[in-house]
Amino acid sequence: MRGVWAAAGLVVLGGWGGACGGGDSSGDVVEDADDTGDADIPPEDDAGEETDAEHDADAADVPEDGPPVDEDGDTYPAGEDCDDGNAAVHPGAEELCNGVDDDCDGVPDGSEGLARPCGVSDVGVCTLGTETCDDAGAWVCDAVLPADADLPDPAFLDENCDGVDGDLAAAVFVSAATGDDAGDTCAIDAPCRTIGRGLAVAAAGGRTQVLVQTGSYAEIIDLSAAHDGLGIYGGYDAEWARGDSLDPASATVVTGGYHAADGGQYLTVRARGVGASFQLLVLRGPDAAGTLGGGQGRSSHVVHALDARLAFSRVAFLQGNGAPGLAGGDATTPGAAGTPGNPGEYGVYWLSCDGARPQGGAVACGDEDHGGRGGDGGAWSCRSWLYEEMRFGTDGAPGSWWVEIGGGVWTWMQCSTGGTNGWPGNPGSAGAEGSDGGG
């Protein structure tokens, strides 16, 4: 038998040999009665050979003596091509991360060692890394990628990797050292000088973060509904890196002043109908001056808020001094008498004297039987806890004695010269008997 393959049908040149019997020998193409497009195949004999239909199916898939079938045209026949319906899949094809065995090696994508660099930045928390393919055909990157937003935080993380703790696109910048309020952007390379100017620019531009360098700011932070949702964040240095300091010598310090509203108040933060955040700041109350209408001294407030929702994180509050009130007038009604005091304690008095009082002197009048004058008063020194003085004793009394003046009558006699405390003399002896009278 001789034939050629065309499409899916078999064209037979010539006829069946004599042994087949009864065949058409005209040499024309004979089609199957079932119109399948294949050449006419003899029916299966009683020995169990395949039928026409089975032979048609086999011939359509794998020709017995024709060229192999390559349905996708990639030059790899079905027996070698693991997907003969996809010309991109065949032995030797480039393996892609797609969950398909592109090179027909039977190895899944996750085990092919497919990898490539990934990541966008190594600024802030971001890192560069390697992306690998998993078995499902998905790329997996181990780099740290930027977050969608970055709110300044106490850990100072640059989570969106734009070079600053915060969101560069949502922030205005303030520097007391290098800023200028004449600008209208308060950009990182052209900051404003005051927080008040930064608040105005942020409100006008729909920005939500005011980033403030360290230094001293003498101004009132005045917040209204126009600043709702805004945050004021301190602690940035000259390079806009952030440090954790609440020392007034190296922190972001804001000291308020006098505000004419609300009857006149000394304050640092004034908030009305607003929600706002404060972080890493030193807020110092101003020293008040003057009095109110009733004579009361004006008060000093660090924060004066009404219908406000304020959040503070890492903020130090330093109080200012209130002003003195006016002096009070004299009372119109005398005060009540005080209660009596407790009895006093006994006083303590001590006296220390030295020296001795001399005895009376020798006899100065009369005779040995009569007392002499008294001695001179002695001198001695006395000291007390109050004073020291010299004291003198009084002179002794004159010596004295009894004298009989006759008739058994005695009288007490003294020396005419005075003395001090003289001792009385001894009594005199009896007089001599008198002579007889005349007559």
Protein backbone atom coordinates (compact mmCIF):
# COMPACT_ATOMS: atom_id res chain seq x y z
CA MET A 1 0.00 0.00 0.00
CA ARG A 2 1.21 3.52 -0.84
CA GLY A 3 -0.26 6.74 0.41
CA VAL A 4 0.34 10.37 1.43
CA TRP A 5 -0.84 12.29 4.58
CA ALA A 6 -2.96 15.30 4.06
CA ALA A 7 -4.63 17.08 6.90
CA ALA A 8 -6.36 14.45 9.02
CA GLY A 9 -7.50 12.18 6.18
CA LEU A 10 -5.75 9.41 4.30
CA VAL A 11 -5.62 9.57 0.51
CA VAL A 12 -5.04 6.15 -1.05
CA LEU A 13 -3.48 5.89 -4.49
CA GLY A 14 -4.49 2.73 -6.33
CA GLY A 15 -6.82 0.06 -5.06
CA TRP A 16 -6.87 -2.87 -2.78
CA GLY A 17 -5.04 -5.99 -4.01
CA GLY A 18 -6.79 -9.06 -5.24
CA ALA A 19 -6.70 -10.79 -1.92
CA CYS A 20 -8.82 -8.07 -0.50
CA GLY A 21 -11.45 -8.81 -3.03
CA GLY A 22 -14.06 -6.65 -4.64
CA GLY A 23 -12.11 -3.46 -4.35
CA ASP A 24 -12.33 -0.45 -6.62
CA SER A 25 -9.33 -0.56 -8.91
CA SER A 26 -10.01 2.63 -10.78
CA GLY A 27 -7.36 4.57 -8.86
CA ASP A 28 -9.80 7.25 -7.65
CA VAL A 29 -9.99 8.46 -4.09
CA VAL A 30 -12.60 6.56 -2.17
CA GLU A 31 -14.12 8.32 0.85
CA ASP A 32 -15.52 6.64 3.94
CA ALA A 33 -19.15 6.06 3.99
CA ASP A 34 -19.26 7.87 7.33
CA ASP A 35 -17.84 11.01 5.71
CA THR A 36 -15.00 11.37 8.21
CA GLY A 37 -12.55 12.46 5.58
CA ASP A 38 -10.29 9.44 6.02
CA ALA A 39 -9.53 6.91 3.31
CA ASP A 40 -11.78 3.92 3.25
CA ILE A 41 -10.53 1.23 5.62
CA PRO A 42 -11.65 -2.40 5.33
CA PRO A 43 -13.91 -3.50 8.12
CA GLU A 44 -12.49 -5.51 10.98
CA ASP A 45 -12.52 -9.25 10.27
CA ASP A 46 -13.65 -11.96 12.54
CA ALA A 47 -10.14 -12.34 13.96
CA GLY A 48 -10.65 -9.17 16.12
CA GLU A 49 -8.67 -6.62 14.10
CA GLU A 50 -9.48 -2.87 14.67
CA THR A 51 -12.51 -1.33 13.09
CA ASP A 52 -12.59 1.55 10.64
CA ALA A 53 -13.53 4.05 13.38
CA GLU A 54 -10.66 2.98 15.62
CA HIS A 55 -8.23 3.17 12.81
CA ASP A 56 -9.49 6.62 11.84
CA ALA A 57 -8.86 7.88 15.40
CA ASP A 58 -5.37 6.41 15.58
CA ALA A 59 -4.42 7.75 12.19
CA ALA A 60 -5.59 11.24 13.13
CA ASP A 61 -3.35 11.32 16.27
CA VAL A 62 -0.23 9.37 15.50
CA PRO A 63 0.47 8.40 11.91
CA GLU A 64 2.03 5.03 11.54
CA ASP A 65 4.55 5.93 8.90
CA GLY A 66 4.22 9.76 8.49
CA PRO A 67 6.08 12.74 10.15
CA PRO A 68 5.33 13.62 13.90
CA VAL A 69 2.59 16.13 14.62
CA ASP A 70 3.70 19.68 15.82
CA GLU A 71 0.44 21.50 16.37
CA ASP A 72 1.90 24.71 17.88
CA GLY A 73 4.62 25.08 15.25
CA ASP A 74 7.48 25.44 17.74
CA THR A 75 9.45 22.62 15.95
CA TYR A 76 8.95 20.30 18.91
CA PRO A 77 6.53 17.45 18.18
CA ALA A 78 3.92 16.35 20.64
CA GLY A 79 6.06 13.56 22.01
CA GLU A 80 8.73 16.00 23.12
CA ASP A 81 6.72 19.16 23.76
CA CYS A 82 5.04 19.19 27.20
CA ASP A 83 2.39 21.62 25.88
CA ASP A 84 1.99 21.31 22.10
CA GLY A 85 -0.77 23.89 22.20
CA ASN A 86 1.58 26.72 23.39
CA ALA A 87 4.50 27.62 21.16
CA ALA A 88 6.23 29.40 24.10
CA VAL A 89 6.44 26.14 26.04
CA HIS A 90 8.96 23.61 24.83
CA PRO A 91 12.30 22.12 25.83
CA GLY A 92 14.97 24.82 26.08
CA ALA A 93 12.50 27.69 26.48
CA GLU A 94 13.27 30.47 29.02
CA GLU A 95 11.78 29.63 32.38
CA LEU A 96 9.52 32.42 33.60
CA CYS A 97 7.94 33.07 37.02
CA ASN A 98 4.41 32.22 35.93
CA GLY A 99 3.51 28.87 37.46
CA VAL A 100 4.15 27.13 34.09
CA ASP A 101 6.91 24.63 33.31
CA ASP A 102 8.13 26.69 30.36
CA ASP A 103 11.21 24.58 29.62
CA CYS A 104 9.47 21.22 30.09
CA ASP A 105 12.01 20.03 32.65
CA GLY A 106 9.40 18.98 35.21
CA VAL A 107 10.78 21.39 37.90
CA PRO A 108 8.32 23.87 39.52
CA ASP A 109 9.10 27.58 39.45
CA GLY A 110 9.90 27.77 43.14
CA SER A 111 12.75 25.32 42.69
CA GLU A 112 14.20 26.83 39.53
CA GLY A 113 16.26 29.44 41.46
CA LEU A 114 14.56 32.37 39.76
CA ALA A 115 15.65 35.63 41.49
CA ARG A 116 16.21 39.31 40.81
CA PRO A 117 17.01 42.47 42.83
CA CYS A 118 14.12 44.36 44.45
CA GLY A 119 13.43 47.35 46.66
CA VAL A 120 13.34 51.05 45.91
CA SER A 121 15.52 52.65 48.58
CA ASP A 122 17.77 52.11 51.57
CA VAL A 123 16.73 55.42 53.19
CA GLY A 124 14.92 55.39 56.52
CA VAL A 125 13.54 51.98 57.40
CA CYS A 126 13.65 50.86 53.76
CA THR A 127 16.13 48.26 52.51
CA LEU A 128 17.11 46.78 49.18
CA GLY A 129 16.68 43.03 48.80
CA THR A 130 16.13 40.03 46.53
CA GLU A 131 12.91 38.91 44.87
CA THR A 132 12.39 35.18 44.39
CA CYS A 133 9.73 33.18 42.55
CA ASP A 134 7.45 30.80 44.41
CA ASP A 135 5.77 27.64 43.08
CA ALA A 136 2.57 29.54 42.31
CA GLY A 137 4.47 31.80 39.94
CA ALA A 138 4.49 34.93 42.15
CA TRP A 139 7.49 37.14 42.91
CA VAL A 140 8.26 37.54 46.64
CA CYS A 141 10.54 40.46 47.68
CA ASP A 142 12.40 40.43 51.01
CA ALA A 143 13.21 44.17 50.91
CA VAL A 144 11.52 46.68 53.24
CA LEU A 145 9.37 48.86 51.03
CA PRO A 146 8.09 52.38 51.78
CA ALA A 147 4.84 52.77 53.66
CA ASP A 148 2.05 54.74 52.05
CA ALA A 149 2.18 57.39 54.79
CA ASP A 150 4.51 58.40 57.62
CA LEU A 151 3.25 60.15 60.74
CA PRO A 152 6.04 61.50 63.00
CA ASP A 153 6.45 59.14 65.92
CA PRO A 154 8.44 58.97 69.19
CA ALA A 155 10.69 56.27 67.63
CA PHE A 156 11.64 58.72 64.82
CA LEU A 157 11.09 56.12 62.08
CA ASP A 158 11.17 57.27 58.46
CA GLU A 159 8.55 54.76 57.38
CA ASN A 160 7.92 56.07 53.88
CA CYS A 161 11.66 56.45 53.24
CA ASP A 162 11.56 60.05 52.02
CA GLY A 163 14.45 61.16 54.23
CA VAL A 164 12.52 62.62 57.17
CA ASP A 165 10.45 61.34 60.10
CA GLY A 166 7.15 62.50 58.69
CA ASP A 167 5.66 62.86 55.27
CA LEU A 168 7.64 65.21 53.03
CA ALA A 169 4.62 65.76 50.80
CA ALA A 170 2.26 66.54 53.71
CA ALA A 171 4.53 68.74 55.85
CA VAL A 172 5.64 72.34 56.25
CA PHE A 173 8.95 73.17 57.91
CA VAL A 174 9.83 75.79 60.55
CA SER A 175 13.26 76.96 61.72
CA ALA A 176 13.90 79.82 64.14
CA ALA A 177 17.56 79.88 63.06
CA THR A 178 17.31 79.89 59.26
CA GLY A 179 13.63 80.38 58.41
CA ASP A 180 11.95 83.29 56.65
CA ASP A 181 8.25 84.08 56.95
CA ALA A 182 8.27 85.91 53.60
CA GLY A 183 8.00 82.59 51.77
CA ASP A 184 4.71 80.89 50.99
CA THR A 185 5.79 77.24 50.87
CA CYS A 186 7.70 76.57 54.12
CA ALA A 187 9.57 73.83 52.23
CA ILE A 188 12.34 71.74 53.72
CA ASP A 189 14.99 73.82 51.93
CA ALA A 190 13.19 77.13 52.54
CA PRO A 191 11.51 76.88 55.96
CA CYS A 192 9.36 79.50 57.68
CA ARG A 193 10.67 81.26 60.79
CA THR A 194 7.61 81.07 63.09
CA ILE A 195 5.16 78.35 63.98
CA GLY A 196 2.29 80.75 63.33
CA ARG A 197 3.38 81.21 59.72
CA GLY A 198 3.77 77.46 59.33
CA LEU A 199 0.22 76.93 60.59
CA ALA A 200 -1.14 79.42 58.08
CA VAL A 201 0.70 77.84 55.13
CA ALA A 202 -0.33 74.34 56.19
CA ALA A 203 -4.01 75.30 56.48
CA ALA A 204 -3.97 77.03 53.11
CA GLY A 205 -2.25 74.11 51.36
CA GLY A 206 -4.12 71.25 52.97
CA ARG A 207 -1.03 69.97 54.75
CA THR A 208 -1.26 68.24 58.11
CA GLN A 209 2.23 68.28 59.64
CA VAL A 210 4.24 71.23 60.98
CA LEU A 211 7.83 70.06 61.59
CA VAL A 212 9.78 72.42 63.88
CA GLN A 213 13.52 72.59 64.49
CA THR A 214 14.96 72.95 68.00
CA GLY A 215 15.32 76.48 69.35
CA SER A 216 13.28 79.14 71.14
CA TYR A 217 9.97 80.43 69.77
CA ALA A 218 8.38 83.41 71.54
CA GLU A 219 4.83 83.21 70.21
CA ILE A 220 1.33 81.93 70.89
CA ILE A 221 0.20 78.77 69.08
CA ASP A 222 -3.32 79.91 68.14
CA LEU A 223 -5.44 77.05 66.75
CA SER A 224 -8.92 77.26 65.24
CA ALA A 225 -11.21 75.00 63.19
CA ALA A 226 -9.07 75.76 60.12
CA HIS A 227 -6.27 73.70 61.71
CA ASP A 228 -8.37 70.64 62.55
CA GLY A 229 -6.40 67.41 62.24
CA LEU A 230 -3.05 69.18 62.17
CA GLY A 231 0.00 68.19 64.24
CA ILE A 232 2.97 70.20 65.52
CA TYR A 233 6.14 68.10 65.89
CA GLY A 234 9.39 69.35 67.44
CA GLY A 235 12.90 68.00 68.00
CA TYR A 236 14.34 68.37 64.47
CA ASP A 237 17.96 69.48 64.08
CA ALA A 238 19.50 71.59 61.31
CA GLU A 239 19.59 68.56 58.98
CA TRP A 240 15.99 67.65 59.81
CA ALA A 241 17.04 64.56 61.73
CA ARG A 242 15.19 64.07 65.00
CA GLY A 243 16.45 63.68 68.58
CA ASP A 244 14.72 62.95 71.87
CA SER A 245 15.35 65.94 74.14
CA LEU A 246 13.09 67.86 76.49
CA ASP A 247 15.97 69.83 78.00
CA PRO A 248 15.06 73.50 77.43
CA ALA A 249 18.68 74.14 76.41
CA SER A 250 18.42 71.81 73.40
CA ALA A 251 14.71 71.27 72.73
CA THR A 252 11.96 72.99 70.79
CA VAL A 253 10.75 75.54 73.36
CA VAL A 254 7.66 77.70 72.85
CA THR A 255 6.98 80.56 75.28
CA GLY A 256 3.67 82.39 74.91
CA GLY A 257 2.56 85.90 75.73
CA TYR A 258 -0.48 88.16 76.11
CA HIS A 259 -3.58 87.44 74.01
CA ALA A 260 -6.22 90.17 73.94
CA ALA A 261 -9.18 87.83 73.40
CA ASP A 262 -11.32 86.44 76.22
CA GLY A 263 -10.78 89.45 78.42
CA GLY A 264 -7.01 89.30 78.02
CA GLN A 265 -5.03 86.20 78.91
CA TYR A 266 -1.39 85.22 79.21
CA LEU A 267 -1.03 81.83 77.50
CA THR A 268 1.10 79.68 75.18
CA VAL A 269 -1.46 77.47 73.38
CA ARG A 270 -4.94 78.75 72.58
CA ALA A 271 -7.32 76.20 71.01
CA ARG A 272 -10.93 76.80 69.98
CA GLY A 273 -13.09 74.15 68.27
CA VAL A 274 -10.15 72.11 66.92
CA GLY A 275 -8.49 68.73 67.14
CA ALA A 276 -4.69 68.81 67.07
CA SER A 277 -1.58 66.90 68.13
CA PHE A 278 1.62 68.03 69.86
CA GLN A 279 4.82 65.99 70.06
CA LEU A 280 8.31 66.51 71.49
CA LEU A 281 7.87 70.12 72.60
CA VAL A 282 8.55 72.22 75.70
CA LEU A 283 5.60 74.55 76.30
CA ARG A 284 6.44 77.33 78.74
CA GLY A 285 3.77 79.58 80.26
CA PRO A 286 4.53 83.33 80.15
CA ASP A 287 4.82 85.45 83.29
CA ALA A 288 1.60 87.44 83.65
CA ALA A 289 1.35 91.15 84.43
CA GLY A 290 -1.48 93.50 85.43
CA THR A 291 -4.85 92.98 87.04
CA LEU A 292 -8.42 92.27 86.02
CA GLY A 293 -11.32 94.63 86.67
CA GLY A 294 -11.92 93.34 90.17
CA GLY A 295 -8.31 93.82 91.19
CA GLN A 296 -7.33 90.17 90.78
CA GLY A 297 -3.91 89.53 89.26
CA ARG A 298 -3.92 88.07 85.74
CA SER A 299 -3.26 84.35 85.44
CA SER A 300 -0.71 82.49 83.30
CA HIS A 301 -1.84 79.49 81.23
CA VAL A 302 0.25 77.02 79.27
CA VAL A 303 -2.84 75.68 77.43
CA HIS A 304 -6.17 77.50 77.25
CA ALA A 305 -8.69 75.36 75.33
CA LEU A 306 -12.41 75.49 74.64
CA ASP A 307 -14.30 72.76 72.75
CA ALA A 308 -10.96 71.28 71.69
CA ARG A 309 -9.50 67.79 71.35
CA LEU A 310 -5.78 67.96 71.97
CA ALA A 311 -3.29 65.08 72.14
CA PHE A 312 0.14 65.51 73.75
CA SER A 313 3.05 63.07 73.36
CA ARG A 314 6.48 63.70 74.90
CA VAL A 315 5.55 67.27 75.84
CA ALA A 316 6.88 69.17 78.89
CA PHE A 317 4.77 71.90 80.52
CA LEU A 318 6.56 74.68 82.40
CA GLN A 319 4.35 77.02 84.43
CA GLY A 320 4.65 80.79 84.36
CA ASN A 321 4.02 83.21 87.23
CA GLY A 322 0.66 84.86 87.77
CA ALA A 323 0.52 88.61 88.41
CA PRO A 324 -0.04 89.97 91.96
CA GLY A 325 -3.47 91.38 92.78
CA LEU A 326 -4.14 94.89 94.08
CA ALA A 327 -3.50 95.54 97.77
CA GLY A 328 -6.57 95.27 100.00
CA GLY A 329 -8.03 98.38 101.77
CA ASP A 330 -8.33 98.96 105.52
CA ALA A 331 -11.04 97.02 107.31
CA THR A 332 -14.15 99.02 108.26
CA THR A 333 -14.82 96.96 111.41
CA PRO A 334 -12.09 96.33 113.99
CA GLY A 335 -11.14 92.79 114.45
CA ALA A 336 -12.11 90.88 117.57
CA ALA A 337 -9.77 90.88 120.53
CA GLY A 338 -7.27 88.12 120.65
CA THR A 339 -7.52 85.38 123.23
CA PRO A 340 -5.28 85.71 126.33
CA GLY A 341 -1.89 84.17 126.13
CA ASN A 342 -0.81 81.25 128.25
CA PRO A 343 0.77 82.00 131.67
CA GLY A 344 4.45 82.79 131.52
CA GLU A 345 7.05 80.46 132.88
CA TYR A 346 9.05 81.38 136.02
CA GLY A 347 12.11 83.36 135.18
CA VAL A 348 15.51 82.01 135.99
CA TYR A 349 17.94 84.32 137.77
CA TRP A 350 21.35 83.35 139.03
CA LEU A 351 23.90 85.33 140.95
CA SER A 352 27.51 84.49 141.53
CA CYS A 353 29.57 86.58 143.91
CA ASP A 354 33.15 86.41 145.02
CA GLY A 355 35.07 88.20 147.77
CA ALA A 356 34.32 88.22 151.52
CA ARG A 357 32.82 90.79 153.79
CA PRO A 358 35.46 91.80 156.36
CA GLN A 359 34.81 91.71 160.04
CA GLY A 360 34.73 94.85 162.19
CA GLY A 361 37.93 96.82 162.69
CA ALA A 362 40.07 97.24 165.79
CA VAL A 363 39.06 99.37 168.78
CA ALA A 364 39.06 103.00 167.79
CA CYS A 365 37.38 104.59 170.80
CA GLY A 366 36.93 103.72 174.45
CA ASP A 367 39.35 101.14 175.80
CA GLU A 368 39.90 97.48 175.74
CA ASP A 369 36.78 96.93 177.67
CA HIS A 370 34.62 98.69 175.16
CA GLY A 371 33.76 97.81 171.60
CA GLY A 372 35.51 99.72 168.78
CA ARG A 373 33.91 101.10 165.67
CA GLY A 374 32.62 98.80 163.04
CA GLY A 375 34.81 97.84 160.08
CA ASP A 376 34.43 99.29 156.60
CA GLY A 377 32.03 97.53 154.29
CA GLY A 378 33.68 94.85 152.10
CA ALA A 379 33.54 94.79 148.29
CA TRP A 380 32.64 91.79 146.11
CA SER A 381 31.86 91.10 142.49
CA CYS A 382 28.53 89.66 141.37
CA ARG A 383 27.64 88.31 137.90
CA SER A 384 24.36 87.18 136.47
CA TRP A 385 23.17 86.16 133.00
CA LEU A 386 21.95 89.74 132.61
CA TYR A 387 24.94 91.76 133.77
CA GLU A 388 28.02 91.93 135.91
CA GLU A 389 28.48 94.55 138.62
CA MET A 390 30.61 95.44 141.62
CA ARG A 391 28.81 95.65 144.89
CA PHE A 392 29.90 97.09 148.20
CA GLY A 393 28.70 96.16 151.67
CA THR A 394 27.51 98.83 154.06
CA ASP A 395 29.79 99.98 156.89
CA GLY A 396 29.45 98.15 160.17
CA ALA A 397 27.62 99.78 163.08
CA PRO A 398 29.80 101.38 165.80
CA GLY A 399 30.84 99.32 168.70
CA SER A 400 28.68 99.77 171.82
CA TRP A 401 28.67 98.91 175.49
CA TRP A 402 26.64 99.37 178.69
CA VAL A 403 27.60 102.14 181.10
CA GLU A 404 26.24 102.49 184.62
CA ILE A 405 25.41 106.06 185.27
CA GLY A 406 24.75 105.65 188.90
CA GLY A 407 22.19 104.28 191.19
CA GLY A 408 22.15 100.98 189.34
CA VAL A 409 21.17 102.68 186.10
CA TRP A 410 22.90 101.56 182.95
CA THR A 411 22.86 103.03 179.52
CA TRP A 412 23.96 101.77 176.07
CA MET A 413 26.95 103.63 174.70
CA GLN A 414 28.43 103.64 171.19
CA CYS A 415 31.55 105.06 169.55
CA SER A 416 30.86 108.14 167.61
CA THR A 417 32.69 106.79 164.54
CA GLY A 418 30.63 104.52 162.39
CA GLY A 419 31.77 101.19 161.06
CA THR A 420 30.31 98.18 159.32
CA ASN A 421 28.78 95.48 161.38
CA GLY A 422 31.17 95.83 164.30
CA TRP A 423 30.72 93.38 167.07
CA PRO A 424 29.62 94.86 170.51
CA GLY A 425 32.47 95.44 172.98
CA ASN A 426 32.71 93.54 176.26
CA PRO A 427 31.02 95.17 179.30
CA GLY A 428 33.28 97.43 181.34
CA SER A 429 34.41 96.42 184.86
CA ALA A 430 32.64 97.78 188.00
CA GLY A 431 33.62 101.28 189.09
CA ALA A 432 35.52 101.94 192.42
CA GLU A 433 33.54 102.56 195.56
CA GLY A 434 32.89 106.26 196.15
CA SER A 435 34.14 108.23 199.27
CA ASP A 436 31.84 109.17 202.10
CA GLY A 437 29.92 112.36 201.81
CA GLY A 438 30.57 115.31 204.23
CA GLY A 439 28.34 116.25 206.94
